[in-house]
Protein backbone atom coordinates (compact mmCIF):
# COMPACT_ATOMS: atom_id res chain seq x y z
CA UNK A 1 -31.17 -25.08 -0.82
CA UNK A 2 -28.13 -24.66 -3.41
CA UNK A 3 -26.98 -21.47 -3.83
CA UNK A 4 -26.86 -19.88 -7.22
CA UNK A 5 -23.48 -18.92 -8.39
CA UNK A 6 -23.74 -15.95 -10.91
CA UNK A 7 -20.78 -15.52 -13.51
CA UNK A 8 -20.36 -12.94 -16.61
CA UNK A 9 -18.09 -15.50 -18.56
CA UNK A 10 -20.31 -15.04 -21.42
CA UNK A 11 -20.02 -11.28 -21.03
CA UNK A 12 -23.58 -11.30 -19.84
CA UNK A 13 -24.79 -12.37 -16.09
CA UNK A 14 -25.98 -16.05 -16.14
CA UNK A 15 -26.10 -19.02 -13.42
CA UNK A 16 -22.43 -20.85 -14.05
CA UNK A 17 -24.22 -24.14 -14.40
CA UNK A 18 -25.80 -22.85 -17.78
CA UNK A 19 -22.47 -21.20 -19.03
CA UNK A 20 -20.99 -23.64 -21.50
CA UNK A 21 -17.45 -22.72 -20.83
CA UNK A 22 -15.26 -24.11 -17.78
CA UNK A 23 -14.96 -21.36 -15.23
CA UNK A 24 -14.00 -21.51 -11.59
CA UNK A 25 -15.52 -18.65 -9.38
CA UNK A 26 -14.35 -17.93 -6.05
CA UNK A 27 -16.39 -15.39 -4.03
CA UNK A 28 -16.14 -12.67 -1.44
CA UNK A 29 -16.57 -14.81 1.51
CA UNK A 30 -14.00 -17.40 0.09
CA UNK A 31 -11.50 -14.76 -0.17
CA UNK A 32 -11.58 -13.50 3.31
CA UNK A 33 -11.83 -17.23 4.63
CA UNK A 34 -8.86 -17.73 2.46
CA UNK A 35 -7.05 -15.08 3.45
CA UNK A 36 -5.74 -13.79 -0.06
CA UNK A 37 -3.75 -10.90 -0.02
CA UNK A 38 -2.67 -10.67 -3.96
CA UNK A 39 -3.26 -12.43 -7.22
CA UNK A 40 -0.20 -14.60 -6.31
CA UNK A 41 -2.15 -16.40 -3.99
CA UNK A 42 -5.22 -17.72 -6.01
CA UNK A 43 -3.07 -20.76 -7.47
CA UNK A 44 -3.57 -21.99 -3.85
CA UNK A 45 -7.65 -22.19 -4.51
CA UNK A 46 -8.02 -22.49 -8.21
CA UNK A 47 -7.12 -25.69 -10.04
CA UNK A 48 -5.34 -25.92 -13.05
CA UNK A 49 -3.69 -22.38 -12.21
CA UNK A 50 -0.20 -21.38 -11.53
CA UNK A 51 0.61 -17.63 -10.57
CA UNK A 52 4.58 -17.03 -10.12
CA UNK A 53 6.75 -14.37 -9.75
CA UNK A 54 10.32 -13.61 -9.02
CA UNK A 55 9.42 -10.28 -8.31
CA UNK A 56 7.96 -8.67 -4.76
CA UNK A 57 4.75 -6.59 -6.38
CA UNK A 58 4.94 -6.99 -10.31
CA UNK A 59 5.66 -8.74 -13.42
CA UNK A 60 3.97 -12.52 -12.72
CA UNK A 61 3.74 -14.93 -15.35
CA UNK A 62 0.59 -16.97 -15.10
CA UNK A 63 -0.65 -20.38 -16.55
CA UNK A 64 -4.10 -22.01 -17.06
CA UNK A 65 -3.79 -25.77 -17.42
CA UNK A 66 -0.18 -25.24 -18.42
CA UNK A 67 -0.65 -22.78 -21.20
CA UNK A 68 0.89 -19.68 -20.93
CA UNK A 69 4.37 -17.58 -21.65
CA UNK A 70 7.28 -18.13 -18.81
CA UNK A 71 8.53 -14.28 -19.51
CA UNK A 72 8.58 -11.74 -17.29
CA UNK A 73 9.37 -9.28 -19.89
CA UNK A 74 6.92 -6.01 -19.44
CA UNK A 75 7.12 -5.62 -22.92
CA UNK A 76 5.49 -9.15 -23.53
CA UNK A 77 1.87 -10.04 -23.27
CA UNK A 78 0.94 -13.42 -21.85
CA UNK A 79 -1.35 -15.77 -22.95
CA UNK A 80 -3.68 -15.30 -20.40
CA UNK A 81 -5.92 -12.18 -20.41
CA UNK A 82 -6.15 -10.17 -16.92
CA UNK A 83 -9.58 -8.10 -16.31
CA UNK A 84 -10.68 -6.09 -13.26
CA UNK A 85 -13.85 -4.90 -13.42
CA UNK A 86 -13.97 -5.60 -17.56
CA UNK A 87 -11.05 -3.60 -18.58
CA UNK A 88 -8.27 -5.29 -20.15
CA UNK A 89 -4.59 -5.19 -17.93
CA UNK A 90 -2.03 -5.46 -20.87
CA UNK A 91 0.88 -5.16 -19.21
CA UNK A 92 2.32 -7.34 -16.80
CA UNK A 93 4.01 -4.25 -14.31
CA UNK A 94 0.31 -4.07 -12.79
CA UNK A 95 -1.21 -7.47 -12.69
CA UNK A 96 0.72 -8.88 -9.59
CA UNK A 97 -2.38 -6.53 -7.56
CA UNK A 98 -3.65 -6.62 -4.24
CA UNK A 99 -7.06 -8.44 -3.86
CA UNK A 100 -9.21 -6.27 -1.49
CA UNK A 101 -13.15 -5.22 -1.09
CA UNK A 102 -13.66 -8.12 -3.78
CA UNK A 103 -17.24 -9.25 -5.17
CA UNK A 104 -15.83 -12.80 -6.98
CA UNK A 105 -13.28 -13.65 -9.25
CA UNK A 106 -13.71 -16.02 -12.09
CA UNK A 107 -11.12 -18.13 -13.72
CA UNK A 108 -12.07 -18.90 -17.22
CA UNK A 109 -10.39 -21.88 -18.76
CA UNK A 110 -9.26 -22.68 -22.59
CA UNK A 111 -9.74 -20.19 -25.10
CA UNK A 112 -11.51 -17.20 -24.99
CA UNK A 113 -10.39 -15.34 -28.10
CA UNK A 114 -14.33 -15.01 -29.34
CA UNK A 115 -15.46 -12.66 -26.26
CA UNK A 116 -12.40 -11.32 -24.80
CA UNK A 117 -10.22 -10.90 -27.92
CA UNK A 118 -6.12 -10.57 -28.05
CA UNK A 119 -3.76 -12.40 -25.28
CA UNK A 120 -6.21 -14.90 -24.38
CA UNK A 121 -5.31 -18.33 -25.69
CA UNK A 122 -4.90 -19.98 -22.41
CA UNK A 123 -8.12 -18.11 -20.39
CA UNK A 124 -8.98 -15.63 -18.61
CA UNK A 125 -8.20 -14.49 -14.91
CA UNK A 126 -11.34 -11.82 -14.36
CA UNK A 127 -11.83 -9.98 -11.17
CA UNK A 128 -15.04 -8.07 -9.92
CA UNK A 129 -14.96 -5.16 -7.26
CA UNK A 130 -17.64 -4.58 -4.80
CA UNK A 131 -19.96 -1.99 -6.40
CA UNK A 132 -21.29 0.45 -4.38
CA UNK A 133 -24.96 -0.07 -2.60
CA UNK A 134 -27.98 2.16 -1.77
CA UNK A 135 -27.88 1.04 1.92
CA UNK A 136 -24.81 2.35 4.54
CA UNK A 137 -22.78 -0.52 5.54
CA UNK A 138 -19.11 -1.64 5.89
CA UNK A 139 -16.69 -3.30 7.43
CA UNK A 140 -12.99 -3.73 8.93
CA UNK A 141 -10.77 -6.37 8.99
CA UNK A 142 -7.37 -6.42 11.10
CA UNK A 143 -4.58 -8.92 10.84
CA UNK A 144 -1.34 -9.45 13.30
CA UNK A 145 1.03 -12.18 12.37
CA UNK A 146 4.83 -13.08 13.01
CA UNK A 147 8.08 -10.38 11.67
CA UNK A 148 5.52 -7.51 12.67
CA UNK A 149 2.67 -8.52 10.24
CA UNK A 150 -0.04 -5.85 10.50
CA UNK A 151 -2.42 -5.83 7.90
CA UNK A 152 -5.85 -3.95 7.81
CA UNK A 153 -8.85 -4.01 5.12
CA UNK A 154 -11.96 -1.95 4.98
CA UNK A 155 -14.74 -0.38 3.12
CA UNK A 156 -17.83 1.75 3.82
CA UNK A 157 -21.30 2.75 1.71
CA UNK A 158 -21.68 6.17 1.28
CA UNK A 159 -25.31 6.58 -0.29
CA UNK A 160 -26.43 9.96 -1.33
CA UNK A 161 -29.77 9.45 -2.52
CA UNK A 162 -31.81 6.12 -3.97
CA UNK A 163 -30.04 7.43 -7.10
CA UNK A 164 -26.18 7.76 -6.19
CA UNK A 165 -24.02 5.90 -4.16
CA UNK A 166 -20.29 6.03 -3.30
CA UNK A 167 -17.77 3.53 -2.12
CA UNK A 168 -14.72 3.48 -0.01
CA UNK A 169 -12.24 0.89 0.49
CA UNK A 170 -8.87 0.40 1.51
CA UNK A 171 -5.79 -1.89 2.17
CA UNK A 172 -2.66 -1.50 4.09
CA UNK A 173 0.06 -4.59 4.41
CA UNK A 174 3.29 -4.44 6.21
CA UNK A 175 5.63 -7.17 7.39
CA UNK A 176 9.19 -7.00 8.48
CA UNK A 177 11.69 -9.28 6.40
CA UNK A 178 11.87 -12.52 6.48
CA UNK A 179 15.36 -13.34 5.48
CA UNK A 180 18.55 -12.10 7.52
CA UNK A 181 21.13 -10.79 5.02
CA UNK A 182 24.70 -10.01 5.55
CA UNK A 183 27.36 -7.80 4.15
CA UNK A 184 31.13 -8.00 3.78
CA UNK A 185 31.75 -5.13 6.03
CA UNK A 186 30.17 -6.94 8.85
CA UNK A 187 26.43 -5.24 9.09
CA UNK A 188 23.17 -7.06 7.85
CA UNK A 189 19.70 -6.15 7.53
CA UNK A 190 16.60 -7.93 6.53
CA UNK A 191 15.02 -8.52 3.64
CA UNK A 192 11.92 -9.63 1.57
CA UNK A 193 9.50 -7.06 3.44
CA UNK A 194 6.07 -6.48 2.88
CA UNK A 195 4.70 -2.37 2.08
CA UNK A 196 1.72 -2.18 0.38
CA UNK A 197 -1.07 0.37 0.49
CA UNK A 198 -4.06 1.29 -1.66
CA UNK A 199 -7.39 2.94 -1.98
CA UNK A 200 -9.87 3.08 -4.28
CA UNK A 201 -13.38 5.50 -4.76
CA UNK A 202 -16.43 4.56 -6.71
CA UNK A 203 -19.34 6.21 -7.66
CA UNK A 204 -22.67 4.35 -8.61
CA UNK A 205 -25.24 6.79 -10.47
CA UNK A 206 -28.67 4.96 -11.65
CA UNK A 207 -30.70 8.15 -12.98
CA UNK A 208 -33.09 5.77 -14.20
CA UNK A 209 -34.18 1.91 -14.13
CA UNK A 210 -32.64 1.19 -17.39
CA UNK A 211 -29.75 3.20 -16.73
CA UNK A 212 -26.23 2.65 -14.65
CA UNK A 213 -22.97 4.49 -14.43
CA UNK A 214 -20.45 3.45 -12.55
CA UNK A 215 -17.36 5.40 -12.03
CA UNK A 216 -14.09 4.13 -10.28
CA UNK A 217 -10.35 5.71 -9.69
CA UNK A 218 -8.03 3.38 -7.72
CA UNK A 219 -4.55 3.65 -6.74
CA UNK A 220 -1.88 1.51 -5.21
CA UNK A 221 1.83 1.58 -4.35
CA UNK A 222 4.51 -0.86 -2.90
CA UNK A 223 7.55 0.33 -1.52
CA UNK A 224 9.25 -2.85 -0.38
CA UNK A 225 12.60 -4.55 -0.82
CA UNK A 226 13.18 -6.68 -4.05
CA UNK A 227 13.12 -10.31 -3.44
CA UNK A 228 15.88 -12.13 -2.03
CA UNK A 229 17.32 -15.42 -3.22
CA UNK A 230 19.25 -18.31 -1.94
CA UNK A 231 22.45 -18.79 -3.86
CA UNK A 232 22.63 -22.71 -5.37
CA UNK A 233 26.38 -23.42 -5.56
CA UNK A 234 26.94 -26.11 -8.09
CA UNK A 235 31.05 -26.93 -7.46
CA UNK A 236 31.61 -29.41 -4.62
CA UNK A 237 35.70 -28.05 -4.10
CA UNK A 238 36.17 -30.78 -1.38
CA UNK A 239 35.83 -33.58 -4.09
CA UNK A 240 36.42 -31.52 -7.24
CA UNK A 241 32.88 -32.67 -8.76
CA UNK A 242 30.47 -30.58 -10.57
CA UNK A 243 26.43 -31.21 -10.73
CA UNK A 244 22.90 -29.92 -9.96
CA UNK A 245 22.38 -28.82 -5.74
CA UNK A 246 19.29 -31.97 -5.47
CA UNK A 247 22.63 -34.90 -6.66
CA UNK A 248 24.78 -36.32 -4.31
CA UNK A 249 27.66 -34.13 -5.84
CA UNK A 250 25.99 -31.25 -3.76
CA UNK A 251 24.05 -33.39 -0.60
CA UNK A 252 20.69 -32.06 -2.09
CA UNK A 253 19.38 -28.30 -1.54
CA UNK A 254 20.30 -26.31 1.18
CA UNK A 255 22.95 -28.85 2.62
CA UNK A 256 25.69 -25.93 2.18
CA UNK A 257 28.11 -28.27 0.54
CA UNK A 258 28.51 -26.75 -3.31
CA UNK A 259 29.71 -23.41 -4.03
CA UNK A 260 29.68 -20.80 -6.48
CA UNK A 261 32.67 -20.34 -9.15
CA UNK A 262 33.99 -17.94 -6.60
CA UNK A 263 34.10 -20.28 -4.05
CA UNK A 264 30.77 -18.58 -1.77
CA UNK A 265 28.54 -21.60 -0.36
CA UNK A 266 24.89 -20.12 1.34
CA UNK A 267 24.08 -20.59 4.58
CA UNK A 268 22.38 -23.75 5.21
CA UNK A 269 19.42 -21.85 6.87
CA UNK A 270 16.75 -20.99 3.83
CA UNK A 271 16.22 -17.66 5.54
CA UNK A 272 19.73 -16.32 5.75
CA UNK A 273 22.29 -15.42 3.02
CA UNK A 274 24.96 -13.01 2.12
CA UNK A 275 25.01 -10.15 -0.18
CA UNK A 276 26.66 -7.12 -1.41
CA UNK A 277 23.99 -4.57 -1.95
CA UNK A 278 22.36 -3.13 1.13
CA UNK A 279 19.91 -0.80 -0.97
CA UNK A 280 17.73 -3.35 -3.44
CA UNK A 281 14.37 -1.44 -3.35
CA UNK A 282 11.79 -2.19 -5.75
CA UNK A 283 8.99 0.43 -5.86
CA UNK A 284 5.85 0.20 -8.26
CA UNK A 285 2.80 2.57 -8.34
CA UNK A 286 -0.78 1.73 -10.26
CA UNK A 287 -3.46 4.30 -10.90
CA UNK A 288 -6.35 3.39 -12.85
CA UNK A 289 -9.35 4.89 -13.82
CA UNK A 290 -12.78 3.29 -15.06
CA UNK A 291 -16.07 4.02 -16.25
CA UNK A 292 -18.89 1.41 -16.96
CA UNK A 293 -22.00 2.70 -18.71
CA UNK A 294 -24.80 0.01 -18.77
CA UNK A 295 -28.33 0.95 -20.45
CA UNK A 296 -31.06 -1.72 -21.07
CA UNK A 297 -32.67 -0.67 -24.11
CA UNK A 298 -35.65 -3.68 -23.63
CA UNK A 299 -34.25 -6.33 -26.30
CA UNK A 300 -30.75 -4.77 -26.67
CA UNK A 301 -28.21 -4.31 -23.42
CA UNK A 302 -25.64 -1.87 -24.85
CA UNK A 303 -22.39 -1.76 -22.35
CA UNK A 304 -19.67 0.79 -22.42
CA UNK A 305 -16.28 0.04 -20.89
CA UNK A 306 -13.87 2.97 -20.81
CA UNK A 307 -10.34 2.38 -18.90
CA UNK A 308 -6.91 4.12 -17.97
CA UNK A 309 -3.80 2.31 -16.60
CA UNK A 310 -0.64 4.29 -15.39
CA UNK A 311 2.05 2.36 -13.73
CA UNK A 312 5.72 3.08 -12.85
CA UNK A 313 8.28 0.39 -11.50
CA UNK A 314 11.59 0.81 -10.11
CA UNK A 315 13.90 -1.65 -8.92
CA UNK A 316 17.76 -2.44 -8.18
CA UNK A 317 17.64 -6.51 -8.21
CA UNK A 318 20.96 -8.47 -6.30
CA UNK A 319 21.09 -11.03 -9.43
CA UNK A 320 23.46 -13.23 -8.19
CA UNK A 321 22.86 -13.94 -4.70
CA UNK A 322 26.08 -13.63 -3.34
CA UNK A 323 28.88 -11.29 -1.48
CA UNK A 324 30.85 -11.13 -4.35
CA UNK A 325 29.86 -8.19 -6.91
CA UNK A 326 29.09 -10.33 -9.97
CA UNK A 327 25.51 -9.38 -11.51
CA UNK A 328 23.44 -6.17 -10.50
CA UNK A 329 20.33 -5.02 -12.34
CA UNK A 330 18.70 -2.04 -12.61
CA UNK A 331 15.35 -1.65 -13.72
CA UNK A 332 13.13 1.42 -14.48
CA UNK A 333 9.67 0.92 -16.61
CA UNK A 334 6.36 2.93 -16.99
CA UNK A 335 3.60 2.00 -18.92
CA UNK A 336 0.23 3.60 -20.01
CA UNK A 337 -2.57 2.35 -21.82
CA UNK A 338 -6.23 3.35 -22.55
CA UNK A 339 -8.86 1.06 -23.68
CA UNK A 340 -12.22 1.82 -24.86
CA UNK A 341 -15.18 -1.31 -25.21
CA UNK A 342 -18.58 -1.12 -26.47
CA UNK A 343 -20.94 -4.40 -26.23
CA UNK A 344 -24.67 -4.98 -27.60
CA UNK A 345 -26.35 -8.27 -26.14
CA UNK A 346 -29.73 -9.46 -26.62
CA UNK A 347 -31.56 -9.80 -24.38
CA UNK A 348 -34.65 -11.66 -25.33
CA UNK A 349 -35.63 -15.43 -24.37
CA UNK A 350 -35.16 -17.83 -26.67
CA UNK A 351 -32.59 -20.41 -28.31
CA UNK A 352 -30.51 -17.97 -29.80
CA UNK A 353 -28.31 -15.13 -28.32
CA UNK A 354 -26.58 -12.53 -30.13
CA UNK A 355 -23.55 -10.25 -28.85
CA UNK A 356 -21.89 -7.57 -31.17
CA UNK A 357 -18.72 -5.64 -29.60
CA UNK A 358 -15.93 -3.56 -30.80
CA UNK A 359 -12.86 -2.92 -28.75
CA UNK A 360 -9.93 -0.39 -28.93
CA UNK A 361 -6.37 -0.45 -27.18
CA UNK A 362 -3.43 1.86 -27.17
CA UNK A 363 -0.46 0.80 -24.69
CA UNK A 364 2.75 2.39 -24.66
CA UNK A 365 5.29 1.17 -22.98
CA UNK A 366 9.28 2.88 -21.73
CA UNK A 367 11.99 0.99 -20.05
CA UNK A 368 15.33 0.84 -19.33
CA UNK A 369 17.33 -2.10 -18.11
CA UNK A 370 20.48 -2.32 -17.29
CA UNK A 371 22.94 -4.77 -15.78
CA UNK A 372 26.38 -4.14 -14.51
CA UNK A 373 28.89 -6.96 -14.60
CA UNK A 374 31.72 -7.65 -11.89
CA UNK A 375 31.54 -4.44 -10.50
CA UNK A 376 34.56 -4.68 -8.37
CA UNK A 377 36.71 -5.21 -11.59
CA UNK A 378 35.19 -1.73 -13.18
CA UNK A 379 37.66 1.07 -12.98
């Protein structure tokens, strides 16, 4: 028996086979078996989807079928809409989120401006969490791996009555750094670690058979080092030639032949190198509040989605990836958004269906991004 895959690509539940939209759906079983932890991991499962980030926990660049914006500036909204439980995430600061206790993920390919509005030229990444259920249950998953990796994920349903239920879920991902970094004073440390925790509280109230009220509060925090990169020199001082690392001049990537303009040649081992900044944190916090009301009016279904998102990010980046103090970046960004959406969709049978909607978004972004150049030369 073939399983019917239900999607909401057209802002209403329907079989994926009946939806005239190119959509890839990843259900809860596939997410669990695939061991996906962040939105960046989805590119392994969905054809045509690329999610990359230069940072440990924020500001991804998302492409679908090659359409997107290769800019990690949080003030720029990309060409791919990101939605969680029908709430639009405008700033890229909160788009590299953790995947836990999910029902499914839908990736809509191609322009979706008619039903999803702004910034959906390339498509939409829509995430749906598991809702509370009116029966007791829960689960706990644990993963142990290399570099002292220790991951926990769990959820529990708490039904109060046949009309009110709560669901509590959480996740914790920790791992030591995977890159050995040495410093000019002879000391060393490990970078590229993981330290993320998040919790979610949901309440489902169904006072009547045609009215559903779902409220959600979610908080997540990442406290890890900013990503450490491998320096790729372009100058072969032995021959006096200059070229890209993949050409014969430098012997290919990782050959440790070419150096930068100050004579630094990175270690040939990909998981070791030298830097000058010992303390390079990237701290990201995100708080979300979401209220969804669904009211069945007979021939019409009225949906209201009220959302609030507050994110904060602070980071120190070792831009030059070398023991020389050439370029250092200091970032402090905060964003706050409020959104309200109303949808009225027809429920009758027939060849024609209607959907009416209105959407309001207010987004405020405050940021400070500063660079220090040639710090050793400064007085």
